[in-house]
């Protein structure tokens, strides 16, 4: 008996909303949704993390963010904040809250 491949949560409306947010690194718009794998549970071959682990990045920052160490070494958009996985996780949670409030109202 084969074990079924786990389904990754997808939400096109959430990714479309992420595109409207300013870049997490530099504040520019428009943005691409970047699937942040460092704290999103990682992924196996042929899989992406959930859409709920997306962060908004402009095209320039998104190209550099394919290397997460490069991404974390840059100065974050919120001046004075130290970039690390915890900082990114807090921003992801804030995006979830903002999106849910928007969807409910």
Protein backbone atom coordinates (compact mmCIF):
# COMPACT_ATOMS: atom_id res chain seq x y z
CA UNK A 1 0.00 0.00 0.00
CA UNK A 2 1.38 3.38 -1.01
CA UNK A 3 1.31 6.33 1.33
CA UNK A 4 -0.43 9.29 -0.36
CA UNK A 5 1.57 12.45 -0.95
CA UNK A 6 0.51 15.13 1.56
CA UNK A 7 -1.56 17.99 0.16
CA UNK A 8 0.04 21.41 0.52
CA UNK A 9 -2.45 24.16 1.50
CA UNK A 10 -3.04 26.58 -1.39
CA UNK A 11 -4.93 29.88 -1.38
CA UNK A 12 -4.84 31.99 -4.55
CA UNK A 13 -6.75 34.86 -2.89
CA UNK A 14 -4.13 35.04 -0.14
CA UNK A 15 -1.25 35.07 -2.66
CA UNK A 16 -3.02 37.78 -4.69
CA UNK A 17 -3.39 39.85 -1.51
CA UNK A 18 0.32 39.32 -0.64
CA UNK A 19 1.17 40.82 -4.07
CA UNK A 20 -0.51 44.09 -3.03
CA UNK A 21 1.72 44.49 0.06
CA UNK A 22 5.04 46.41 0.01
CA UNK A 23 8.26 44.42 -0.24
CA UNK A 24 9.30 43.07 3.15
CA UNK A 25 12.93 44.03 2.48
CA UNK A 26 12.87 47.38 0.68
CA UNK A 27 9.26 48.60 0.68
CA UNK A 28 8.83 48.71 -3.12
CA UNK A 29 5.78 47.58 -5.05
CA UNK A 30 4.66 45.52 -6.98
CA UNK A 31 5.66 42.30 -5.26
CA UNK A 32 5.87 38.59 -5.91
CA UNK A 33 4.86 36.07 -3.25
CA UNK A 34 7.99 34.28 -2.01
CA UNK A 35 7.48 30.89 -0.31
CA UNK A 36 9.72 31.19 2.74
CA UNK A 37 11.12 27.70 3.38
CA UNK A 38 13.41 28.38 6.35
CA UNK A 39 10.57 28.21 8.88
CA UNK A 40 7.74 26.98 6.69
CA UNK A 41 8.48 23.36 7.40
CA UNK A 42 10.85 22.97 4.47
CA UNK A 43 9.80 20.93 1.51
CA UNK A 44 10.72 17.83 -0.43
CA UNK A 45 11.48 17.38 -4.08
CA UNK A 46 8.68 18.77 -6.25
CA UNK A 47 6.89 20.40 -3.32
CA UNK A 48 6.46 23.96 -2.11
CA UNK A 49 5.57 25.04 1.38
CA UNK A 50 2.04 26.24 2.04
CA UNK A 51 0.88 29.51 0.45
CA UNK A 52 0.42 30.75 4.01
CA UNK A 53 4.23 30.90 4.34
CA UNK A 54 4.48 33.53 1.57
CA UNK A 55 6.08 36.92 2.10
CA UNK A 56 5.90 39.85 -0.34
CA UNK A 57 9.17 40.63 -2.14
CA UNK A 58 9.82 42.92 -5.11
CA UNK A 59 11.37 41.26 -8.16
CA UNK A 60 14.94 42.30 -7.21
CA UNK A 61 14.67 41.06 -3.62
CA UNK A 62 12.82 37.92 -4.73
CA UNK A 63 15.63 36.97 -7.10
CA UNK A 64 18.15 37.32 -4.27
CA UNK A 65 15.92 35.56 -1.75
CA UNK A 66 16.37 32.19 -3.43
CA UNK A 67 19.36 32.06 -1.08
CA UNK A 68 17.74 32.62 2.35
CA UNK A 69 21.09 33.56 3.95
CA UNK A 70 21.42 36.44 1.45
CA UNK A 71 17.87 37.48 2.26
CA UNK A 72 18.46 37.54 6.02
CA UNK A 73 21.77 39.42 5.64
CA UNK A 74 20.07 42.47 4.10
CA UNK A 75 18.69 45.37 6.11
CA UNK A 76 14.95 44.80 6.66
CA UNK A 77 12.32 47.33 5.62
CA UNK A 78 11.48 48.10 9.26
CA UNK A 79 14.60 50.03 10.26
CA UNK A 80 16.28 48.98 13.47
CA UNK A 81 14.93 45.43 13.37
CA UNK A 82 17.42 42.57 13.25
CA UNK A 83 16.56 40.22 10.35
CA UNK A 84 16.25 36.59 11.43
CA UNK A 85 13.76 33.74 11.15
CA UNK A 86 11.82 34.95 14.20
CA UNK A 87 11.46 38.43 12.66
CA UNK A 88 10.14 36.92 9.42
CA UNK A 89 7.76 34.63 11.35
CA UNK A 90 6.31 37.63 13.20
CA UNK A 91 5.72 39.41 9.87
CA UNK A 92 4.04 36.30 8.41
CA UNK A 93 1.69 36.16 11.42
CA UNK A 94 0.88 39.87 10.95
CA UNK A 95 0.06 39.22 7.27
CA UNK A 96 -2.28 36.40 8.31
CA UNK A 97 -4.03 38.68 10.81
CA UNK A 98 -4.40 41.55 8.31
CA UNK A 99 -5.71 39.19 5.64
CA UNK A 100 -8.24 37.52 7.95
CA UNK A 101 -9.54 40.88 9.21
CA UNK A 102 -9.96 42.00 5.59
CA UNK A 103 -11.79 38.77 4.65
CA UNK A 104 -14.15 38.88 7.64
CA UNK A 105 -15.15 42.54 7.27
